[in-house]
PDB file of N, CA and C in Angstrom:
ATOM      1  N   PHE A   1     101.134  81.650  97.121  1.00  0.00           N
ATOM      2  CA  PHE A   1     101.459  82.838  96.461  1.00  0.00           C
ATOM      3  C   PHE A   1     102.632  84.024  96.237  1.00  0.00           C
ATOM      4  N   LEU A   2     102.634  85.029  95.779  1.00  0.00           N
ATOM      5  CA  LEU A   2     103.722  85.820  95.716  1.00  0.00           C
ATOM      6  C   LEU A   2     102.869  86.909  97.048  1.00  0.00           C
ATOM      7  N   GLU A   3     103.548  87.418  97.701  1.00  0.00           N
ATOM      8  CA  GLU A   3     103.325  88.776  98.443  1.00  0.00           C
ATOM      9  C   GLU A   3     103.985  89.437  97.945  1.00  0.00           C
ATOM     10  N   LEU A   4     103.644  90.725  97.714  1.00  0.00           N
ATOM     11  CA  LEU A   4     104.678  92.093  97.191  1.00  0.00           C
ATOM     12  C   LEU A   4     104.614  92.906  98.505  1.00  0.00           C
ATOM     13  N   PRO A   5     105.678  93.470  98.897  1.00  0.00           N
ATOM     14  CA  PRO A   5     106.034  94.469  99.304  1.00  0.00           C
ATOM     15  C   PRO A   5     104.909  95.509  99.695  1.00  0.00           C
ATOM     16  N   LEU A   6     104.517  96.330 100.436  1.00  0.00           N
ATOM     17  CA  LEU A   6     104.007  97.046 100.588  1.00  0.00           C
ATOM     18  C   LEU A   6     104.997  98.871 100.033  1.00  0.00           C
ATOM     19  N   ALA A   7     104.219  99.525  99.444  1.00  0.00           N
ATOM     20  CA  ALA A   7     105.052 100.520  98.939  1.00  0.00           C
ATOM     21  C   ALA A   7     105.344 101.630  99.927  1.00  0.00           C
ATOM     22  N   ARG A   8     104.142 102.033 100.670  1.00  0.00           N
ATOM     23  CA  ARG A   8     104.663 103.176 101.574  1.00  0.00           C
ATOM     24  C   ARG A   8     102.946 102.786 102.725  1.00  0.00           C
ATOM     25  N   GLU A   9     103.381 103.542 103.542  1.00  0.00           N
ATOM     26  CA  GLU A   9     102.521 103.895 104.835  1.00  0.00           C
ATOM     27  C   GLU A   9     100.780 103.633 105.005  1.00  0.00           C
ATOM     28  N   ASN A  10     100.096 103.024 105.609  1.00  0.00           N
ATOM     29  CA  ASN A  10      98.742 102.571 104.789  1.00  0.00           C
ATOM     30  C   ASN A  10      98.406 102.333 103.411  1.00  0.00           C
ATOM     31  N   ASP A  11      99.427 102.083 102.868  1.00  0.00           N
ATOM     32  CA  ASP A  11      99.255 101.264 101.749  1.00  0.00           C
ATOM     33  C   ASP A  11      98.227  99.762 101.839  1.00  0.00           C
ATOM     34  N   GLN A  12      97.282  99.567 101.384  1.00  0.00           N
ATOM     35  CA  GLN A  12      96.992  98.341 101.059  1.00  0.00           C
ATOM     36  C   GLN A  12      96.761  97.707 100.110  1.00  0.00           C
ATOM     37  N   TYR A  13      96.633  96.458  99.873  1.00  0.00           N
ATOM     38  CA  TYR A  13      96.618  95.499  98.204  1.00  0.00           C
ATOM     39  C   TYR A  13      95.219  94.912  98.268  1.00  0.00           C
ATOM     40  N   LEU A  14      94.458  95.285  96.901  1.00  0.00           N
ATOM     41  CA  LEU A  14      93.872  96.159  96.515  1.00  0.00           C
ATOM     42  C   LEU A  14      92.612  95.095  96.649  1.00  0.00           C
ATOM     43  N   MET A  15      92.789  93.822  96.229  1.00  0.00           N
ATOM     44  CA  MET A  15      91.886  92.715  96.581  1.00  0.00           C
ATOM     45  C   MET A  15      91.503  92.522  98.055  1.00  0.00           C
ATOM     46  N   ILE A  16      92.311  92.829  98.793  1.00  0.00           N
ATOM     47  CA  ILE A  16      91.762  92.724 100.252  1.00  0.00           C
ATOM     48  C   ILE A  16      90.941  93.384 100.860  1.00  0.00           C
ATOM     49  N   LEU A  17      90.845  94.825 100.199  1.00  0.00           N
ATOM     50  CA  LEU A  17      90.600  96.081 100.647  1.00  0.00           C
ATOM     51  C   LEU A  17      88.993  95.531 100.000  1.00  0.00           C
ATOM     52  N   PHE A  18      89.457  95.290  98.292  1.00  0.00           N
ATOM     53  CA  PHE A  18      87.610  95.065  98.259  1.00  0.00           C
ATOM     54  C   PHE A  18      86.940  93.808  99.009  1.00  0.00           C
ATOM     55  N   GLN A  19      87.573  92.655  99.064  1.00  0.00           N
ATOM     56  CA  GLN A  19      86.978  91.799  99.867  1.00  0.00           C
ATOM     57  C   GLN A  19      86.238  92.276 101.393  1.00  0.00           C
ATOM     58  N   GLN A  20      87.719  93.388 102.044  1.00  0.00           N
ATOM     59  CA  GLN A  20      86.898  94.123 103.291  1.00  0.00           C
ATOM     60  C   GLN A  20      85.703  94.887 103.172  1.00  0.00           C
ATOM     61  N   LEU A  21      85.391  95.680 102.294  1.00  0.00           N
ATOM     62  CA  LEU A  21      84.153  96.441 101.632  1.00  0.00           C
ATOM     63  C   LEU A  21      83.106  95.710 101.468  1.00  0.00           C
ATOM     64  N   GLY A  22      83.081  93.905 101.150  1.00  0.00           N
ATOM     65  CA  GLY A  22      81.986  93.150 101.567  1.00  0.00           C
ATOM     66  C   GLY A  22      81.471  92.950 100.010  1.00  0.00           C
ATOM     67  N   VAL A  23      82.389  93.286  98.689  1.00  0.00           N
ATOM     68  CA  VAL A  23      81.996  93.403  97.083  1.00  0.00           C
ATOM     69  C   VAL A  23      81.896  91.388  97.245  1.00  0.00           C
ATOM     70  N   SER A  24      80.836  91.694  96.260  1.00  0.00           N
ATOM     71  CA  SER A  24      80.012  90.334  95.908  1.00  0.00           C
ATOM     72  C   SER A  24      81.551  89.465  95.178  1.00  0.00           C
ATOM     73  N   GLN A  25      81.296  88.002  94.934  1.00  0.00           N
ATOM     74  CA  GLN A  25      82.154  87.427  94.312  1.00  0.00           C
ATOM     75  C   GLN A  25      82.000  88.276  92.856  1.00  0.00           C
ATOM     76  N   THR A  26      80.880  88.054  92.270  1.00  0.00           N
ATOM     77  CA  THR A  26      80.800  88.757  91.045  1.00  0.00           C
ATOM     78  C   THR A  26      81.923  89.728  90.630  1.00  0.00           C
ATOM     79  N   GLU A  27      81.426  90.569  91.397  1.00  0.00           N
ATOM     80  CA  GLU A  27      82.108  91.942  91.346  1.00  0.00           C
ATOM     81  C   GLU A  27      84.148  91.841  91.722  1.00  0.00           C
ATOM     82  N   MET A  28      84.210  90.713  92.485  1.00  0.00           N
ATOM     83  CA  MET A  28      85.554  90.540  92.615  1.00  0.00           C
ATOM     84  C   MET A  28      86.158  90.105  91.179  1.00  0.00           C
ATOM     85  N   GLN A  29      86.005  89.234  90.983  1.00  0.00           N
ATOM     86  CA  GLN A  29      85.979  89.095  89.281  1.00  0.00           C
ATOM     87  C   GLN A  29      86.413  89.701  88.673  1.00  0.00           C
ATOM     88  N   GLN A  30      85.458  90.661  88.391  1.00  0.00           N
ATOM     89  CA  GLN A  30      85.307  91.843  87.080  1.00  0.00           C
ATOM     90  C   GLN A  30      86.677  93.080  87.891  1.00  0.00           C
ATOM     91  N   LEU A  31      86.856  92.564  89.115  1.00  0.00           N
ATOM     92  CA  LEU A  31      87.844  94.113  89.356  1.00  0.00           C
ATOM     93  C   LEU A  31      88.711  93.282  89.463  1.00  0.00           C
ATOM     94  N   ASN A  32      89.074  92.344  89.288  1.00  0.00           N
ATOM     95  CA  ASN A  32      90.441  91.579  89.265  1.00  0.00           C
ATOM     96  C   ASN A  32      91.239  91.101  87.957  1.00  0.00           C
ATOM     97  N   TYR A  33      90.408  91.282  86.978  1.00  0.00           N
ATOM     98  CA  TYR A  33      90.405  91.317  85.566  1.00  0.00           C
ATOM     99  C   TYR A  33      91.031  92.818  85.463  1.00  0.00           C
ATOM    100  N   GLY A  34      90.267  93.842  85.915  1.00  0.00           N
ATOM    101  CA  GLY A  34      90.636  95.109  85.891  1.00  0.00           C
ATOM    102  C   GLY A  34      91.715  95.486  86.246  1.00  0.00           C
ATOM    103  N   ARG A  35      92.248  94.525  87.608  1.00  0.00           N
ATOM    104  CA  ARG A  35      93.480  94.894  87.969  1.00  0.00           C
ATOM    105  C   ARG A  35      94.533  94.258  87.477  1.00  0.00           C
ATOM    106  N   LEU A  36      94.680  93.166  86.829  1.00  0.00           N
ATOM    107  CA  LEU A  36      95.055  92.889  86.566  1.00  0.00           C
ATOM    108  C   LEU A  36      95.885  93.180  84.718  1.00  0.00           C
ATOM    109  N   PHE A  37      95.086  94.186  84.327  1.00  0.00           N
ATOM    110  CA  PHE A  37      94.744  94.641  83.004  1.00  0.00           C
ATOM    111  C   PHE A  37      95.393  95.639  83.247  1.00  0.00           C
ATOM    112  N   LEU A  38      95.797  96.297  84.417  1.00  0.00           N
ATOM    113  CA  LEU A  38      96.195  97.791  84.775  1.00  0.00           C
ATOM    114  C   LEU A  38      97.656  97.109  85.253  1.00  0.00           C
ATOM    115  N   GLN A  39      97.903  95.827  86.096  1.00  0.00           N
ATOM    116  CA  GLN A  39      99.068  95.219  86.717  1.00  0.00           C
ATOM    117  C   GLN A  39      99.289  96.012  87.616  1.00  0.00           C
ATOM    118  N   VAL A  40      98.349  95.910  88.956  1.00  0.00           N
ATOM    119  CA  VAL A  40      98.665  96.801  89.734  1.00  0.00           C
ATOM    120  C   VAL A  40      98.166  95.921  90.945  1.00  0.00           C
ATOM    121  N   THR A  41      98.651  96.332  92.260  1.00  0.00           N
ATOM    122  CA  THR A  41      98.116  94.985  93.084  1.00  0.00           C
ATOM    123  C   THR A  41      98.028  96.069  94.615  1.00  0.00           C
ATOM    124  N   THR A  42      98.396  96.914  94.561  1.00  0.00           N
ATOM    125  CA  THR A  42      98.261  98.283  96.167  1.00  0.00           C
ATOM    126  C   THR A  42      97.539  99.125  95.709  1.00  0.00           C
ATOM    127  N   VAL A  43      96.960  99.808  96.827  1.00  0.00           N
ATOM    128  CA  VAL A  43      96.528 101.434  96.273  1.00  0.00           C
ATOM    129  C   VAL A  43      97.316 102.207  95.655  1.00  0.00           C
ATOM    130  N   SER A  44      98.874 102.126  96.306  1.00  0.00           N
ATOM    131  CA  SER A  44      99.918 103.088  95.881  1.00  0.00           C
ATOM    132  C   SER A  44      99.769 102.485  94.571  1.00  0.00           C
ATOM    133  N   ASP A  45      99.734 101.815  93.751  1.00  0.00           N
ATOM    134  CA  ASP A  45     100.342 101.446  92.647  1.00  0.00           C
ATOM    135  C   ASP A  45      98.680 102.315  91.194  1.00  0.00           C
ATOM    136  N   ILE A  46      97.731 102.705  91.696  1.00  0.00           N
ATOM    137  CA  ILE A  46      96.901 103.202  91.148  1.00  0.00           C
ATOM    138  C   ILE A  46      96.612 104.714  91.989  1.00  0.00           C
ATOM    139  N   THR A  47      97.621 105.487  92.463  1.00  0.00           N
ATOM    140  CA  THR A  47      97.297 107.244  93.494  1.00  0.00           C
ATOM    141  C   THR A  47      98.703 107.527  93.500  1.00  0.00           C
ATOM    142  N   THR A  48      98.324 109.052  93.723  1.00  0.00           N
ATOM    143  CA  THR A  48      99.606 109.954  93.861  1.00  0.00           C
ATOM    144  C   THR A  48     100.546 109.865  94.862  1.00  0.00           C
ATOM    145  N   GLY A  49     101.319 110.148  95.017  1.00  0.00           N
ATOM    146  CA  GLY A  49     102.348 109.882  95.776  1.00  0.00           C
ATOM    147  C   GLY A  49     101.813 110.156  97.048  1.00  0.00           C
ATOM    148  N   ASP A  50     101.134 110.876  97.372  1.00  0.00           N
ATOM    149  CA  ASP A  50     100.528 111.169  98.633  1.00  0.00           C
ATOM    150  C   ASP A  50      99.026 110.464  98.927  1.00  0.00           C
ATOM    151  N   GLY A  51      98.418 109.560  97.727  1.00  0.00           N
ATOM    152  CA  GLY A  51      98.112 108.649  98.199  1.00  0.00           C
ATOM    153  C   GLY A  51      96.055 109.151  98.104  1.00  0.00           C
ATOM    154  N   THR A  52      96.305 110.574  98.094  1.00  0.00           N
ATOM    155  CA  THR A  52      95.028 111.338  98.094  1.00  0.00           C
ATOM    156  C   THR A  52      93.689 111.282  96.768  1.00  0.00           C
ATOM    157  N   GLN A  53      94.609 110.820  95.857  1.00  0.00           N
ATOM    158  CA  GLN A  53      93.901 111.053  94.597  1.00  0.00           C
ATOM    159  C   GLN A  53      94.492 109.477  93.247  1.00  0.00           C
ATOM    160  N   ILE A  54      93.021 109.097  92.637  1.00  0.00           N
ATOM    161  CA  ILE A  54      93.522 108.248  92.079  1.00  0.00           C
ATOM    162  C   ILE A  54      94.152 108.924  90.798  1.00  0.00           C
ATOM    163  N   LEU A  55      95.435 107.889  90.120  1.00  0.00           N
ATOM    164  CA  LEU A  55      95.813 108.527  88.823  1.00  0.00           C
ATOM    165  C   LEU A  55      95.049 109.041  87.779  1.00  0.00           C
ATOM    166  N   GLU A  56      94.955 109.494  87.078  1.00  0.00           N
ATOM    167  CA  GLU A  56      94.026 110.070  85.687  1.00  0.00           C
ATOM    168  C   GLU A  56      93.942 108.679  84.885  1.00  0.00           C
ATOM    169  N   SER A  57      95.151 108.030  84.831  1.00  0.00           N
ATOM    170  CA  SER A  57      95.494 106.972  83.770  1.00  0.00           C
ATOM    171  C   SER A  57      94.508 105.762  84.537  1.00  0.00           C
ATOM    172  N   ALA A  58      94.669 105.371  85.195  1.00  0.00           N
ATOM    173  CA  ALA A  58      94.081 104.455  86.246  1.00  0.00           C
ATOM    174  C   ALA A  58      92.342 104.848  86.022  1.00  0.00           C
ATOM    175  N   ALA A  59      92.292 105.919  86.478  1.00  0.00           N
ATOM    176  CA  ALA A  59      90.431 106.167  86.357  1.00  0.00           C
ATOM    177  C   ALA A  59      90.299 106.461  85.317  1.00  0.00           C
ATOM    178  N   LYS A  60      91.009 106.535  84.166  1.00  0.00           N
ATOM    179  CA  LYS A  60      90.720 106.213  82.690  1.00  0.00           C
ATOM    180  C   LYS A  60      90.691 104.906  82.080  1.00  0.00           C
ATOM    181  N   GLY A  61      90.909 103.838  82.956  1.00  0.00           N
ATOM    182  CA  GLY A  61      91.243 102.350  82.594  1.00  0.00           C
ATOM    183  C   GLY A  61      92.157 102.359  81.853  1.00  0.00           C
ATOM    184  N   GLY A  62      93.563 102.876  81.973  1.00  0.00           N
ATOM    185  CA  GLY A  62      94.779 102.833  81.709  1.00  0.00           C
ATOM    186  C   GLY A  62      96.021 102.851  82.312  1.00  0.00           C
ATOM    187  N   ARG A  63      96.625 102.194  82.102  1.00  0.00           N
ATOM    188  CA  ARG A  63      98.072 101.529  82.462  1.00  0.00           C
ATOM    189  C   ARG A  63      98.798 102.674  82.994  1.00  0.00           C
ATOM    190  N   CYS A  64      99.449 103.075  83.971  1.00  0.00           N
ATOM    191  CA  CYS A  64     100.261 104.135  84.215  1.00  0.00           C
ATOM    192  C   CYS A  64     101.590 103.985  83.496  1.00  0.00           C
ATOM    193  N   LYS A  65     102.115 104.826  82.148  1.00  0.00           N
ATOM    194  CA  LYS A  65     103.343 104.165  81.572  1.00  0.00           C
ATOM    195  C   LYS A  65     104.664 105.018  82.237  1.00  0.00           C
ATOM    196  N   SER A  66     104.536 105.420  83.075  1.00  0.00           N
ATOM    197  CA  SER A  66     105.798 105.757  84.055  1.00  0.00           C
ATOM    198  C   SER A  66     106.028 104.926  84.751  1.00  0.00           C
ATOM    199  N   ARG A  67     105.139 104.136  85.567  1.00  0.00           N
ATOM    200  CA  ARG A  67     105.468 102.614  86.565  1.00  0.00           C
ATOM    201  C   ARG A  67     105.805 101.618  85.692  1.00  0.00           C
ATOM    202  N   THR A  68     107.084 101.079  86.577  1.00  0.00           N
ATOM    203  CA  THR A  68     107.670  99.449  86.031  1.00  0.00           C
ATOM    204  C   THR A  68     107.071  98.893  86.786  1.00  0.00           C
ATOM    205  N   SER A  69     107.707  97.163  86.553  1.00  0.00           N
ATOM    206  CA  SER A  69     107.491  96.430  87.256  1.00  0.00           C
ATOM    207  C   SER A  69     108.102  95.516  86.938  1.00  0.00           C
ATOM    208  N   ASN A  70     108.786  94.684  87.968  1.00  0.00           N
ATOM    209  CA  ASN A  70     109.914  93.171  87.364  1.00  0.00           C
ATOM    210  C   ASN A  70     108.216  92.166  87.420  1.00  0.00           C
ATOM    211  N   ILE A  71     107.157  92.650  87.874  1.00  0.00           N
ATOM    212  CA  ILE A  71     106.241  91.509  87.695  1.00  0.00           C
ATOM    213  C   ILE A  71     106.242  90.466  86.523  1.00  0.00           C
ATOM    214  N   GLU A  72     105.451  89.712  86.336  1.00  0.00           N
ATOM    215  CA  GLU A  72     105.615  88.735  84.926  1.00  0.00           C
ATOM    216  C   GLU A  72     104.100  88.897  84.785  1.00  0.00           C
ATOM    217  N   TRP A  73     103.253  89.269  83.793  1.00  0.00           N
ATOM    218  CA  TRP A  73     101.841  90.113  83.931  1.00  0.00           C
ATOM    219  C   TRP A  73     101.321  88.925  83.369  1.00  0.00           C
ATOM    220  N   PRO A  74      99.787  89.039  83.117  1.00  0.00           N
ATOM    221  CA  PRO A  74      99.298  87.823  82.454  1.00  0.00           C
ATOM    222  C   PRO A  74      99.028  88.033  81.504  1.00  0.00           C
ATOM    223  N   ASN A  75      98.596  88.164  80.080  1.00  0.00           N
ATOM    224  CA  ASN A  75      97.925  88.866  78.875  1.00  0.00           C
ATOM    225  C   ASN A  75      96.699  88.912  79.340  1.00  0.00           C
ATOM    226  N   GLN A  76      95.954  89.665  80.176  1.00  0.00           N
ATOM    227  CA  GLN A  76      94.915  90.251  80.265  1.00  0.00           C
ATOM    228  C   GLN A  76      94.337  91.646  79.196  1.00  0.00           C
ATOM    229  N   PRO A  77      92.996  90.832  78.364  1.00  0.00           N
ATOM    230  CA  PRO A  77      92.559  92.202  77.702  1.00  0.00           C
ATOM    231  C   PRO A  77      92.181  93.024  78.592  1.00  0.00           C
ATOM    232  N   GLN A  78      91.571  94.297  78.075  1.00  0.00           N
ATOM    233  CA  GLN A  78      90.872  95.318  78.737  1.00  0.00           C
ATOM    234  C   GLN A  78      89.733  95.017  78.947  1.00  0.00           C
ATOM    235  N   PRO A  79      89.471  95.014  80.317  1.00  0.00           N
ATOM    236  CA  PRO A  79      87.720  94.500  80.401  1.00  0.00           C
ATOM    237  C   PRO A  79      86.908  95.615  80.271  1.00  0.00           C
ATOM    238  N   SER A  80      86.180  95.587  80.184  1.00  0.00           N
ATOM    239  CA  SER A  80      84.421  95.950  79.776  1.00  0.00           C
ATOM    240  C   SER A  80      84.797  97.754  80.464  1.00  0.00           C
ATOM    241  N   GLU A  81      83.911  98.598  80.364  1.00  0.00           N
ATOM    242  CA  GLU A  81      84.041 100.082  80.732  1.00  0.00           C
ATOM    243  C   GLU A  81      82.873 100.001  82.230  1.00  0.00           C
ATOM    244  N   ASN A  82      82.176  99.148  82.100  1.00  0.00           N
ATOM    245  CA  ASN A  82      81.531  98.713  83.392  1.00  0.00           C
ATOM    246  C   ASN A  82      82.257  97.992  84.513  1.00  0.00           C
ATOM    247  N   SER A  83      83.274  97.405  84.275  1.00  0.00           N
ATOM    248  CA  SER A  83      84.275  96.118  84.982  1.00  0.00           C
ATOM    249  C   SER A  83      84.789  97.622  86.123  1.00  0.00           C
ATOM    250  N   GLY A  84      85.517  98.644  85.066  1.00  0.00           N
ATOM    251  CA  GLY A  84      86.366  99.857  85.736  1.00  0.00           C
ATOM    252  C   GLY A  84      85.412 101.064  86.910  1.00  0.00           C
ATOM    253  N   ARG A  85      84.165 100.939  86.867  1.00  0.00           N
ATOM    254  CA  ARG A  85      83.118 101.748  87.215  1.00  0.00           C
ATOM    255  C   ARG A  85      83.328 101.225  88.649  1.00  0.00           C
ATOM    256  N   HIS A  86      82.996  99.718  88.906  1.00  0.00           N
ATOM    257  CA  HIS A  86      83.371  99.459  90.255  1.00  0.00           C
ATOM    258  C   HIS A  86      84.015  99.535  90.904  1.00  0.00           C
ATOM    259  N   GLY A  87      85.137  99.547  90.933  1.00  0.00           N
ATOM    260  CA  GLY A  87      86.805  99.867  91.504  1.00  0.00           C
ATOM    261  C   GLY A  87      86.493 101.548  91.310  1.00  0.00           C
ATOM    262  N   ASP A  88      86.645 102.275  90.355  1.00  0.00           N
ATOM    263  CA  ASP A  88      86.522 103.203  90.645  1.00  0.00           C
ATOM    264  C   ASP A  88      85.612 103.733  91.777  1.00  0.00           C
ATOM    265  N   ARG A  89      84.330 103.432  91.798  1.00  0.00           N
ATOM    266  CA  ARG A  89      83.384 103.490  92.549  1.00  0.00           C
ATOM    267  C   ARG A  89      83.743 103.406  94.112  1.00  0.00           C
ATOM    268  N   LEU A  90      84.099 102.004  94.296  1.00  0.00           N
ATOM    269  CA  LEU A  90      84.790 101.300  95.372  1.00  0.00           C
ATOM    270  C   LEU A  90      86.325 102.172  96.691  1.00  0.00           C
ATOM    271  N   LEU A  91      87.000 103.000  95.507  1.00  0.00           N
ATOM    272  CA  LEU A  91      87.774 103.784  95.707  1.00  0.00           C
ATOM    273  C   LEU A  91      87.691 105.106  96.412  1.00  0.00           C
ATOM    274  N   ARG A  92      86.875 105.335  96.195  1.00  0.00           N
ATOM    275  CA  ARG A  92      86.828 107.049  96.074  1.00  0.00           C
ATOM    276  C   ARG A  92      85.738 107.045  97.403  1.00  0.00           C
TER     277      ARG A  92
END
């Protein structure tokens, strides 16, 4: 698999973080759908520069328009609102 570099100190890969938090397999699938839709891989992809707050766009379930990526992402439909709540709850 492709391992992307972490953007800053104390950054983490979202799916590894969710796994460490003991998320169920079903929740992991829902979180991954949301991650693919948002086109993010790490905590720094969805947080402010200092890492203390989740970006408003990510919190609302939308992609950050100012963030660019060289990754060729799959076409992932927007997940249900319920799926987004799992990730938001886990990251706070």
